[in-house]
Amino acid sequence: MIKITKDQQQRIPEACWIAISPGRVNLLGEHVDYNDGLVLPAAINRQVQVLAKQRDDRRVVLHALDFRDSTEFFLNGLEKRSAINGQPLPDWALVPAGVAWAF
């Protein structure tokens, strides 16, 4: 498990939001819980950690510590799924990009 270090926290000292979400898997019942089916979720030793700060522009910068990769994109024109440099967004960035768009 990769944890956010003090050094990484210091890079975003004005972070407005810090969130940690534990990982889980469904041992039984994938997609049946909302149909009144039986489910058996279990916690796993993975988690998502997010440090975020607000920006004045519509630019989003993402760093994936576990992949040692970064990407940047603008919220305007996100339907193109491309980074600022014109390259396609990496697969790992597609879900966070959708969340940023929804916010």
PDB file of N, CA and C in Angstrom:
ATOM      1  N   MET A   1       0.844  -1.171   0.000  1.00  0.00           N
ATOM      2  CA  MET A   1       0.000   0.000   0.000  1.00  0.00           C
ATOM      3  C   MET A   1       0.891   1.235   0.000  1.00  0.00           C
ATOM      4  N   ILE A   2       0.592   2.195  -0.844  1.00  0.00           N
ATOM      5  CA  ILE A   2       1.339   3.441  -0.913  1.00  0.00           C
ATOM      6  C   ILE A   2       0.598   4.482  -0.095  1.00  0.00           C
ATOM      7  N   LYS A   3       1.306   5.121   0.824  1.00  0.00           N
ATOM      8  CA  LYS A   3       0.682   6.136   1.658  1.00  0.00           C
ATOM      9  C   LYS A   3       1.210   7.501   1.274  1.00  0.00           C
ATOM     10  N   ILE A   4       0.390   8.501   1.475  1.00  0.00           N
ATOM     11  CA  ILE A   4       0.815   9.872   1.239  1.00  0.00           C
ATOM     12  C   ILE A   4       1.793  10.237   2.349  1.00  0.00           C
ATOM     13  N   THR A   5       2.991  10.645   1.954  1.00  0.00           N
ATOM     14  CA  THR A   5       4.027  10.967   2.935  1.00  0.00           C
ATOM     15  C   THR A   5       3.889  12.414   3.398  1.00  0.00           C
ATOM     16  N   LYS A   6       4.579  12.737   4.470  1.00  0.00           N
ATOM     17  CA  LYS A   6       4.586  14.113   4.979  1.00  0.00           C
ATOM     18  C   LYS A   6       5.118  15.064   3.903  1.00  0.00           C
ATOM     19  N   ASP A   7       6.141  14.614   3.156  1.00  0.00           N
ATOM     20  CA  ASP A   7       6.709  15.434   2.082  1.00  0.00           C
ATOM     21  C   ASP A   7       5.655  15.744   1.026  1.00  0.00           C
ATOM     22  N   GLN A   8       4.882  14.730   0.651  1.00  0.00           N
ATOM     23  CA  GLN A   8       3.842  14.947  -0.346  1.00  0.00           C
ATOM     24  C   GLN A   8       2.748  15.860   0.190  1.00  0.00           C
ATOM     25  N   GLN A   9       2.415  15.735   1.475  1.00  0.00           N
ATOM     26  CA  GLN A   9       1.431  16.626   2.066  1.00  0.00           C
ATOM     27  C   GLN A   9       1.952  18.056   2.085  1.00  0.00           C
ATOM     28  N   GLN A  10       3.248  18.216   2.302  1.00  0.00           N
ATOM     29  CA  GLN A  10       3.826  19.556   2.346  1.00  0.00           C
ATOM     30  C   GLN A  10       3.803  20.217   0.973  1.00  0.00           C
ATOM     31  N   ARG A  11       3.751  19.426  -0.099  1.00  0.00           N
ATOM     32  CA  ARG A  11       3.667  20.005  -1.444  1.00  0.00           C
ATOM     33  C   ARG A  11       2.314  20.665  -1.675  1.00  0.00           C
ATOM     34  N   ILE A  12       1.307  20.242  -0.906  1.00  0.00           N
ATOM     35  CA  ILE A  12      -0.023  20.836  -1.016  1.00  0.00           C
ATOM     36  C   ILE A  12      -0.428  21.312   0.388  1.00  0.00           C
ATOM     37  N   PRO A  13       0.320  22.264   0.952  1.00  0.00           N
ATOM     38  CA  PRO A  13       0.031  22.671   2.330  1.00  0.00           C
ATOM     39  C   PRO A  13      -1.345  23.318   2.465  1.00  0.00           C
ATOM     40  N   GLU A  14      -1.834  23.880   1.396  1.00  0.00           N
ATOM     41  CA  GLU A  14      -3.135  24.540   1.448  1.00  0.00           C
ATOM     42  C   GLU A  14      -4.254  23.615   0.969  1.00  0.00           C
ATOM     43  N   ALA A  15      -4.028  22.307   1.066  1.00  0.00           N
ATOM     44  CA  ALA A  15      -5.036  21.339   0.635  1.00  0.00           C
ATOM     45  C   ALA A  15      -6.352  21.615   1.350  1.00  0.00           C
ATOM     46  N   CYS A  16      -7.406  21.715   0.556  1.00  0.00           N
ATOM     47  CA  CYS A  16      -8.734  21.967   1.109  1.00  0.00           C
ATOM     48  C   CYS A  16      -9.397  20.673   1.540  1.00  0.00           C
ATOM     49  N   TRP A  17      -9.053  19.595   0.856  1.00  0.00           N
ATOM     50  CA  TRP A  17      -9.704  18.316   1.120  1.00  0.00           C
ATOM     51  C   TRP A  17      -8.651  17.217   1.216  1.00  0.00           C
ATOM     52  N   ILE A  18      -8.796  16.397   2.220  1.00  0.00           N
ATOM     53  CA  ILE A  18      -8.007  15.175   2.352  1.00  0.00           C
ATOM     54  C   ILE A  18      -9.016  14.064   2.603  1.00  0.00           C
ATOM     55  N   ALA A  19      -9.009  13.052   1.748  1.00  0.00           N
ATOM     56  CA  ALA A  19      -9.967  11.952   1.887  1.00  0.00           C
ATOM     57  C   ALA A  19      -9.235  10.626   1.763  1.00  0.00           C
ATOM     58  N   ILE A  20      -9.631   9.679   2.579  1.00  0.00           N
ATOM     59  CA  ILE A  20      -9.087   8.327   2.517  1.00  0.00           C
ATOM     60  C   ILE A  20     -10.274   7.375   2.493  1.00  0.00           C
ATOM     61  N   SER A  21     -10.294   6.511   1.503  1.00  0.00           N
ATOM     62  CA  SER A  21     -11.397   5.570   1.361  1.00  0.00           C
ATOM     63  C   SER A  21     -10.852   4.147   1.329  1.00  0.00           C
ATOM     64  N   PRO A  22     -11.349   3.281   2.208  1.00  0.00           N
ATOM     65  CA  PRO A  22     -10.856   1.904   2.220  1.00  0.00           C
ATOM     66  C   PRO A  22     -11.332   1.123   1.002  1.00  0.00           C
ATOM     67  N   GLY A  23     -10.518   0.157   0.605  1.00  0.00           N
ATOM     68  CA  GLY A  23     -10.896  -0.706  -0.507  1.00  0.00           C
ATOM     69  C   GLY A  23     -11.835  -1.807  -0.054  1.00  0.00           C
ATOM     70  N   ARG A  24     -12.597  -2.343  -0.988  1.00  0.00           N
ATOM     71  CA  ARG A  24     -13.496  -3.462  -0.680  1.00  0.00           C
ATOM     72  C   ARG A  24     -13.758  -4.259  -1.942  1.00  0.00           C
ATOM     73  N   VAL A  25     -14.159  -5.474  -1.737  1.00  0.00           N
ATOM     74  CA  VAL A  25     -14.579  -6.337  -2.838  1.00  0.00           C
ATOM     75  C   VAL A  25     -15.915  -6.951  -2.448  1.00  0.00           C
ATOM     76  N   ASN A  26     -16.686  -7.328  -3.431  1.00  0.00           N
ATOM     77  CA  ASN A  26     -17.919  -8.063  -3.180  1.00  0.00           C
ATOM     78  C   ASN A  26     -17.648  -9.542  -3.431  1.00  0.00           C
ATOM     79  N   LEU A  27     -17.650 -10.322  -2.366  1.00  0.00           N
ATOM     80  CA  LEU A  27     -17.428 -11.761  -2.505  1.00  0.00           C
ATOM     81  C   LEU A  27     -18.663 -12.437  -3.090  1.00  0.00           C
ATOM     82  N   LEU A  28     -19.810 -11.878  -2.817  1.00  0.00           N
ATOM     83  CA  LEU A  28     -21.092 -12.353  -3.353  1.00  0.00           C
ATOM     84  C   LEU A  28     -21.879 -11.143  -3.803  1.00  0.00           C
ATOM     85  N   GLY A  29     -22.620 -11.276  -4.855  1.00  0.00           N
ATOM     86  CA  GLY A  29     -23.643 -10.298  -5.164  1.00  0.00           C
ATOM     87  C   GLY A  29     -23.235  -9.043  -5.901  1.00  0.00           C
ATOM     88  N   GLU A  30     -22.332  -9.141  -6.834  1.00  0.00           N
ATOM     89  CA  GLU A  30     -21.999  -7.966  -7.644  1.00  0.00           C
ATOM     90  C   GLU A  30     -23.234  -7.520  -8.425  1.00  0.00           C
ATOM     91  N   HIS A  31     -23.635  -6.296  -8.273  1.00  0.00           N
ATOM     92  CA  HIS A  31     -24.774  -5.672  -8.967  1.00  0.00           C
ATOM     93  C   HIS A  31     -26.133  -6.242  -8.584  1.00  0.00           C
ATOM     94  N   VAL A  32     -26.236  -6.959  -7.481  1.00  0.00           N
ATOM     95  CA  VAL A  32     -27.557  -7.436  -7.078  1.00  0.00           C
ATOM     96  C   VAL A  32     -28.071  -6.700  -5.845  1.00  0.00           C
ATOM     97  N   ASP A  33     -27.192  -5.950  -5.171  1.00  0.00           N
ATOM     98  CA  ASP A  33     -27.618  -5.272  -3.948  1.00  0.00           C
ATOM     99  C   ASP A  33     -28.747  -4.280  -4.203  1.00  0.00           C
ATOM    100  N   TYR A  34     -28.722  -3.611  -5.338  1.00  0.00           N
ATOM    101  CA  TYR A  34     -29.804  -2.660  -5.632  1.00  0.00           C
ATOM    102  C   TYR A  34     -31.032  -3.357  -6.213  1.00  0.00           C
ATOM    103  N   ASN A  35     -30.982  -4.673  -6.333  1.00  0.00           N
ATOM    104  CA  ASN A  35     -32.137  -5.470  -6.751  1.00  0.00           C
ATOM    105  C   ASN A  35     -32.600  -6.386  -5.613  1.00  0.00           C
ATOM    106  N   ASP A  36     -32.317  -5.989  -4.390  1.00  0.00           N
ATOM    107  CA  ASP A  36     -32.702  -6.738  -3.191  1.00  0.00           C
ATOM    108  C   ASP A  36     -32.072  -8.131  -3.117  1.00  0.00           C
ATOM    109  N   GLY A  37     -30.922  -8.307  -3.732  1.00  0.00           N
ATOM    110  CA  GLY A  37     -30.227  -9.588  -3.658  1.00  0.00           C
ATOM    111  C   GLY A  37     -29.271  -9.627  -2.485  1.00  0.00           C
ATOM    112  N   LEU A  38     -28.684 -10.782  -2.245  1.00  0.00           N
ATOM    113  CA  LEU A  38     -27.732 -10.947  -1.152  1.00  0.00           C
ATOM    114  C   LEU A  38     -26.347 -10.474  -1.578  1.00  0.00           C
ATOM    115  N   VAL A  39     -25.663  -9.801  -0.677  1.00  0.00           N
ATOM    116  CA  VAL A  39     -24.295  -9.349  -0.948  1.00  0.00           C
ATOM    117  C   VAL A  39     -23.413  -9.688   0.241  1.00  0.00           C
ATOM    118  N   LEU A  40     -22.143  -9.845  -0.023  1.00  0.00           N
ATOM    119  CA  LEU A  40     -21.167 -10.083   1.042  1.00  0.00           C
ATOM    120  C   LEU A  40     -19.906  -9.279   0.704  1.00  0.00           C
ATOM    121  N   PRO A  41     -19.892  -7.981   1.067  1.00  0.00           N
ATOM    122  CA  PRO A  41     -18.689  -7.180   0.827  1.00  0.00           C
ATOM    123  C   PRO A  41     -17.641  -7.463   1.898  1.00  0.00           C
ATOM    124  N   ALA A  42     -16.388  -7.284   1.541  1.00  0.00           N
ATOM    125  CA  ALA A  42     -15.290  -7.478   2.487  1.00  0.00           C
ATOM    126  C   ALA A  42     -14.239  -6.401   2.258  1.00  0.00           C
ATOM    127  N   ALA A  43     -13.684  -5.900   3.341  1.00  0.00           N
ATOM    128  CA  ALA A  43     -12.608  -4.911   3.251  1.00  0.00           C
ATOM    129  C   ALA A  43     -11.324  -5.603   2.798  1.00  0.00           C
ATOM    130  N   ILE A  44     -10.507  -4.872   2.065  1.00  0.00           N
ATOM    131  CA  ILE A  44      -9.210  -5.381   1.632  1.00  0.00           C
ATOM    132  C   ILE A  44      -8.127  -4.388   2.038  1.00  0.00           C
ATOM    133  N   ASN A  45      -6.887  -4.778   1.916  1.00  0.00           N
ATOM    134  CA  ASN A  45      -5.780  -3.934   2.365  1.00  0.00           C
ATOM    135  C   ASN A  45      -5.331  -2.952   1.289  1.00  0.00           C
ATOM    136  N   ARG A  46      -6.266  -2.318   0.658  1.00  0.00           N
ATOM    137  CA  ARG A  46      -6.001  -1.266  -0.328  1.00  0.00           C
ATOM    138  C   ARG A  46      -6.846  -0.056   0.053  1.00  0.00           C
ATOM    139  N   GLN A  47      -6.453   1.107  -0.423  1.00  0.00           N
ATOM    140  CA  GLN A  47      -7.240   2.303  -0.183  1.00  0.00           C
ATOM    141  C   GLN A  47      -6.909   3.367  -1.205  1.00  0.00           C
ATOM    142  N   VAL A  48      -7.779   4.331  -1.303  1.00  0.00           N
ATOM    143  CA  VAL A  48      -7.552   5.499  -2.152  1.00  0.00           C
ATOM    144  C   VAL A  48      -7.351   6.688  -1.228  1.00  0.00           C
ATOM    145  N   GLN A  49      -6.280   7.426  -1.469  1.00  0.00           N
ATOM    146  CA  GLN A  49      -6.000   8.626  -0.686  1.00  0.00           C
ATOM    147  C   GLN A  49      -5.950   9.806  -1.635  1.00  0.00           C
ATOM    148  N   VAL A  50      -6.640  10.869  -1.278  1.00  0.00           N
ATOM    149  CA  VAL A  50      -6.720  12.039  -2.143  1.00  0.00           C
ATOM    150  C   VAL A  50      -6.409  13.290  -1.337  1.00  0.00           C
ATOM    151  N   LEU A  51      -5.505  14.106  -1.855  1.00  0.00           N
ATOM    152  CA  LEU A  51      -5.280  15.460  -1.357  1.00  0.00           C
ATOM    153  C   LEU A  51      -5.687  16.386  -2.486  1.00  0.00           C
ATOM    154  N   ALA A  52      -6.473  17.385  -2.189  1.00  0.00           N
ATOM    155  CA  ALA A  52      -6.950  18.270  -3.250  1.00  0.00           C
ATOM    156  C   ALA A  52      -6.966  19.713  -2.776  1.00  0.00           C
ATOM    157  N   LYS A  53      -6.778  20.593  -3.720  1.00  0.00           N
ATOM    158  CA  LYS A  53      -6.931  22.012  -3.434  1.00  0.00           C
ATOM    159  C   LYS A  53      -7.648  22.661  -4.609  1.00  0.00           C
ATOM    160  N   GLN A  54      -8.333  23.716  -4.317  1.00  0.00           N
ATOM    161  CA  GLN A  54      -9.093  24.428  -5.339  1.00  0.00           C
ATOM    162  C   GLN A  54      -8.164  25.293  -6.179  1.00  0.00           C
ATOM    163  N   ARG A  55      -8.501  25.404  -7.459  1.00  0.00           N
ATOM    164  CA  ARG A  55      -7.745  26.251  -8.375  1.00  0.00           C
ATOM    165  C   ARG A  55      -8.676  27.316  -8.920  1.00  0.00           C
ATOM    166  N   ASP A  56      -8.101  28.389  -9.430  1.00  0.00           N
ATOM    167  CA  ASP A  56      -8.909  29.466 -10.008  1.00  0.00           C
ATOM    168  C   ASP A  56      -9.199  29.239 -11.484  1.00  0.00           C
ATOM    169  N   ASP A  57      -8.439  28.351 -12.126  1.00  0.00           N
ATOM    170  CA  ASP A  57      -8.692  28.049 -13.534  1.00  0.00           C
ATOM    171  C   ASP A  57      -9.448  26.719 -13.624  1.00  0.00           C
ATOM    172  N   ARG A  58      -9.703  26.226 -14.805  1.00  0.00           N
ATOM    173  CA  ARG A  58     -10.436  24.967 -14.971  1.00  0.00           C
ATOM    174  C   ARG A  58      -9.477  23.823 -15.292  1.00  0.00           C
ATOM    175  N   ARG A  59      -8.262  23.920 -14.788  1.00  0.00           N
ATOM    176  CA  ARG A  59      -7.219  22.928 -15.012  1.00  0.00           C
ATOM    177  C   ARG A  59      -7.189  21.936 -13.850  1.00  0.00           C
ATOM    178  N   VAL A  60      -7.016  20.669 -14.168  1.00  0.00           N
ATOM    179  CA  VAL A  60      -6.914  19.614 -13.161  1.00  0.00           C
ATOM    180  C   VAL A  60      -5.560  18.930 -13.344  1.00  0.00           C
ATOM    181  N   VAL A  61      -4.849  18.750 -12.255  1.00  0.00           N
ATOM    182  CA  VAL A  61      -3.560  18.059 -12.263  1.00  0.00           C
ATOM    183  C   VAL A  61      -3.717  16.824 -11.386  1.00  0.00           C
ATOM    184  N   LEU A  62      -3.431  15.652 -11.944  1.00  0.00           N
ATOM    185  CA  LEU A  62      -3.538  14.388 -11.214  1.00  0.00           C
ATOM    186  C   LEU A  62      -2.165  13.734 -11.113  1.00  0.00           C
ATOM    187  N   HIS A  63      -1.867  13.202  -9.942  1.00  0.00           N
ATOM    188  CA  HIS A  63      -0.647  12.437  -9.728  1.00  0.00           C
ATOM    189  C   HIS A  63      -1.047  11.062  -9.195  1.00  0.00           C
ATOM    190  N   ALA A  64      -0.639  10.000  -9.873  1.00  0.00           N
ATOM    191  CA  ALA A  64      -0.877   8.637  -9.403  1.00  0.00           C
ATOM    192  C   ALA A  64       0.431   8.122  -8.813  1.00  0.00           C
ATOM    193  N   LEU A  65       0.514   8.109  -7.488  1.00  0.00           N
ATOM    194  CA  LEU A  65       1.765   7.722  -6.837  1.00  0.00           C
ATOM    195  C   LEU A  65       2.128   6.280  -7.117  1.00  0.00           C
ATOM    196  N   ASP A  66       1.124   5.397  -7.159  1.00  0.00           N
ATOM    197  CA  ASP A  66       1.431   3.980  -7.382  1.00  0.00           C
ATOM    198  C   ASP A  66       1.916   3.701  -8.791  1.00  0.00           C
ATOM    199  N   PHE A  67       1.512   4.536  -9.763  1.00  0.00           N
ATOM    200  CA  PHE A  67       1.986   4.367 -11.144  1.00  0.00           C
ATOM    201  C   PHE A  67       3.170   5.281 -11.455  1.00  0.00           C
ATOM    202  N   ARG A  68       3.500   6.161 -10.522  1.00  0.00           N
ATOM    203  CA  ARG A  68       4.550   7.168 -10.740  1.00  0.00           C
ATOM    204  C   ARG A  68       4.294   7.916 -12.046  1.00  0.00           C
ATOM    205  N   ASP A  69       3.070   8.400 -12.177  1.00  0.00           N
ATOM    206  CA  ASP A  69       2.647   9.072 -13.404  1.00  0.00           C
ATOM    207  C   ASP A  69       1.793  10.285 -13.043  1.00  0.00           C
ATOM    208  N   SER A  70       1.773  11.252 -13.920  1.00  0.00           N
ATOM    209  CA  SER A  70       0.967  12.458 -13.748  1.00  0.00           C
ATOM    210  C   SER A  70       0.321  12.826 -15.070  1.00  0.00           C
ATOM    211  N   THR A  71      -0.766  13.564 -14.982  1.00  0.00           N
ATOM    212  CA  THR A  71      -1.403  14.098 -16.174  1.00  0.00           C
ATOM    213  C   THR A  71      -2.139  15.377 -15.806  1.00  0.00           C
ATOM    214  N   GLU A  72      -2.374  16.204 -16.796  1.00  0.00           N
ATOM    215  CA  GLU A  72      -3.099  17.457 -16.604  1.00  0.00           C
ATOM    216  C   GLU A  72      -4.117  17.599 -17.724  1.00  0.00           C
ATOM    217  N   PHE A  73      -5.278  18.166 -17.383  1.00  0.00           N
ATOM    218  CA  PHE A  73      -6.294  18.407 -18.402  1.00  0.00           C
ATOM    219  C   PHE A  73      -7.155  19.595 -17.977  1.00  0.00           C
ATOM    220  N   PHE A  74      -7.875  20.138 -18.938  1.00  0.00           N
ATOM    221  CA  PHE A  74      -8.835  21.195 -18.661  1.00  0.00           C
ATOM    222  C   PHE A  74     -10.230  20.597 -18.617  1.00  0.00           C
ATOM    223  N   LEU A  75     -11.069  21.111 -17.719  1.00  0.00           N
ATOM    224  CA  LEU A  75     -12.446  20.630 -17.638  1.00  0.00           C
ATOM    225  C   LEU A  75     -13.227  20.981 -18.899  1.00  0.00           C
ATOM    226  N   ASN A  76     -12.904  22.113 -19.509  1.00  0.00           N
ATOM    227  CA  ASN A  76     -13.554  22.476 -20.773  1.00  0.00           C
ATOM    228  C   ASN A  76     -13.040  21.544 -21.861  1.00  0.00           C
ATOM    229  N   GLY A  77     -13.911  20.890 -22.564  1.00  0.00           N
ATOM    230  CA  GLY A  77     -13.500  19.988 -23.631  1.00  0.00           C
ATOM    231  C   GLY A  77     -13.079  18.624 -23.141  1.00  0.00           C
ATOM    232  N   LEU A  78     -13.491  18.246 -21.945  1.00  0.00           N
ATOM    233  CA  LEU A  78     -13.093  16.962 -21.377  1.00  0.00           C
ATOM    234  C   LEU A  78     -13.641  15.781 -22.164  1.00  0.00           C
ATOM    235  N   GLU A  79     -14.691  16.018 -22.954  1.00  0.00           N
ATOM    236  CA  GLU A  79     -15.256  14.916 -23.747  1.00  0.00           C
ATOM    237  C   GLU A  79     -14.247  14.350 -24.742  1.00  0.00           C
ATOM    238  N   LYS A  80     -13.184  15.093 -25.035  1.00  0.00           N
ATOM    239  CA  LYS A  80     -12.127  14.586 -25.925  1.00  0.00           C
ATOM    240  C   LYS A  80     -11.211  13.598 -25.207  1.00  0.00           C
ATOM    241  N   ARG A  81     -11.293  13.568 -23.893  1.00  0.00           N
ATOM    242  CA  ARG A  81     -10.467  12.680 -23.074  1.00  0.00           C
ATOM    243  C   ARG A  81      -8.981  12.825 -23.378  1.00  0.00           C
ATOM    244  N   SER A  82      -8.558  14.072 -23.519  1.00  0.00           N
ATOM    245  CA  SER A  82      -7.152  14.299 -23.819  1.00  0.00           C
ATOM    246  C   SER A  82      -6.526  15.220 -22.778  1.00  0.00           C
ATOM    247  N   ALA A  83      -5.227  15.028 -22.598  1.00  0.00           N
ATOM    248  CA  ALA A  83      -4.449  15.836 -21.663  1.00  0.00           C
ATOM    249  C   ALA A  83      -4.124  17.179 -22.309  1.00  0.00           C
ATOM    250  N   ILE A  84      -3.555  18.068 -21.512  1.00  0.00           N
ATOM    251  CA  ILE A  84      -3.179  19.394 -22.012  1.00  0.00           C
ATOM    252  C   ILE A  84      -2.223  19.281 -23.190  1.00  0.00           C
ATOM    253  N   ASN A  85      -1.344  18.265 -23.167  1.00  0.00           N
ATOM    254  CA  ASN A  85      -0.367  18.103 -24.247  1.00  0.00           C
ATOM    255  C   ASN A  85      -0.965  17.463 -25.509  1.00  0.00           C
ATOM    256  N   GLY A  86      -2.273  17.184 -25.502  1.00  0.00           N
ATOM    257  CA  GLY A  86      -2.936  16.610 -26.672  1.00  0.00           C
ATOM    258  C   GLY A  86      -2.959  15.098 -26.706  1.00  0.00           C
ATOM    259  N   GLN A  87      -2.202  14.460 -25.818  1.00  0.00           N
ATOM    260  CA  GLN A  87      -2.182  12.996 -25.749  1.00  0.00           C
ATOM    261  C   GLN A  87      -3.449  12.493 -25.055  1.00  0.00           C
ATOM    262  N   PRO A  88      -3.874  11.267 -25.352  1.00  0.00           N
ATOM    263  CA  PRO A  88      -5.038  10.712 -24.633  1.00  0.00           C
ATOM    264  C   PRO A  88      -4.740  10.602 -23.136  1.00  0.00           C
ATOM    265  N   LEU A  89      -5.763  10.797 -22.324  1.00  0.00           N
ATOM    266  CA  LEU A  89      -5.595  10.606 -20.886  1.00  0.00           C
ATOM    267  C   LEU A  89      -5.239   9.150 -20.616  1.00  0.00           C
ATOM    268  N   PRO A  90      -4.340   8.890 -19.684  1.00  0.00           N
ATOM    269  CA  PRO A  90      -4.051   7.500 -19.337  1.00  0.00           C
ATOM    270  C   PRO A  90      -5.302   6.833 -18.754  1.00  0.00           C
ATOM    271  N   ASP A  91      -5.385   5.533 -18.892  1.00  0.00           N
ATOM    272  CA  ASP A  91      -6.555   4.805 -18.397  1.00  0.00           C
ATOM    273  C   ASP A  91      -6.835   5.095 -16.928  1.00  0.00           C
ATOM    274  N   TRP A  92      -5.791   5.164 -16.093  1.00  0.00           N
ATOM    275  CA  TRP A  92      -5.988   5.373 -14.666  1.00  0.00           C
ATOM    276  C   TRP A  92      -6.617   6.725 -14.365  1.00  0.00           C
ATOM    277  N   ALA A  93      -6.532   7.685 -15.293  1.00  0.00           N
ATOM    278  CA  ALA A  93      -7.038   9.039 -15.058  1.00  0.00           C
ATOM    279  C   ALA A  93      -8.481   9.233 -15.513  1.00  0.00           C
ATOM    280  N   LEU A  94      -9.058   8.271 -16.208  1.00  0.00           N
ATOM    281  CA  LEU A  94     -10.400   8.472 -16.768  1.00  0.00           C
ATOM    282  C   LEU A  94     -11.479   8.609 -15.694  1.00  0.00           C
ATOM    283  N   VAL A  95     -11.453   7.776 -14.681  1.00  0.00           N
ATOM    284  CA  VAL A  95     -12.473   7.884 -13.627  1.00  0.00           C
ATOM    285  C   VAL A  95     -12.292   9.176 -12.821  1.00  0.00           C
ATOM    286  N   PRO A  96     -11.066   9.512 -12.357  1.00  0.00           N
ATOM    287  CA  PRO A  96     -10.928  10.795 -11.653  1.00  0.00           C
ATOM    288  C   PRO A  96     -11.302  11.995 -12.529  1.00  0.00           C
ATOM    289  N   ALA A  97     -11.049  11.906 -13.829  1.00  0.00           N
ATOM    290  CA  ALA A  97     -11.432  12.999 -14.724  1.00  0.00           C
ATOM    291  C   ALA A  97     -12.966  13.131 -14.761  1.00  0.00           C
ATOM    292  N   GLY A  98     -13.663  12.016 -14.787  1.00  0.00           N
ATOM    293  CA  GLY A  98     -15.129  12.058 -14.749  1.00  0.00           C
ATOM    294  C   GLY A  98     -15.657  12.629 -13.459  1.00  0.00           C
ATOM    295  N   VAL A  99     -15.009  12.293 -12.346  1.00  0.00           N
ATOM    296  CA  VAL A  99     -15.413  12.843 -11.049  1.00  0.00           C
ATOM    297  C   VAL A  99     -15.174  14.346 -11.020  1.00  0.00           C
ATOM    298  N   ALA A 100     -14.026  14.784 -11.521  1.00  0.00           N
ATOM    299  CA  ALA A 100     -13.730  16.225 -11.559  1.00  0.00           C
ATOM    300  C   ALA A 100     -14.741  16.959 -12.418  1.00  0.00           C
ATOM    301  N   TRP A 101     -15.110  16.358 -13.540  1.00  0.00           N
ATOM    302  CA  TRP A 101     -16.116  16.969 -14.407  1.00  0.00           C
ATOM    303  C   TRP A 101     -17.459  17.095 -13.685  1.00  0.00           C
ATOM    304  N   ALA A 102     -17.853  16.032 -12.962  1.00  0.00           N
ATOM    305  CA  ALA A 102     -19.127  16.055 -12.244  1.00  0.00           C
ATOM    306  C   ALA A 102     -19.152  17.112 -11.133  1.00  0.00           C
ATOM    307  N   PHE A 103     -17.998  17.290 -10.461  1.00  0.00           N
ATOM    308  CA  PHE A 103     -17.933  18.328  -9.422  1.00  0.00           C
ATOM    309  C   PHE A 103     -18.102  19.692 -10.033  1.00  0.00           C
TER     310      PHE A 103
END
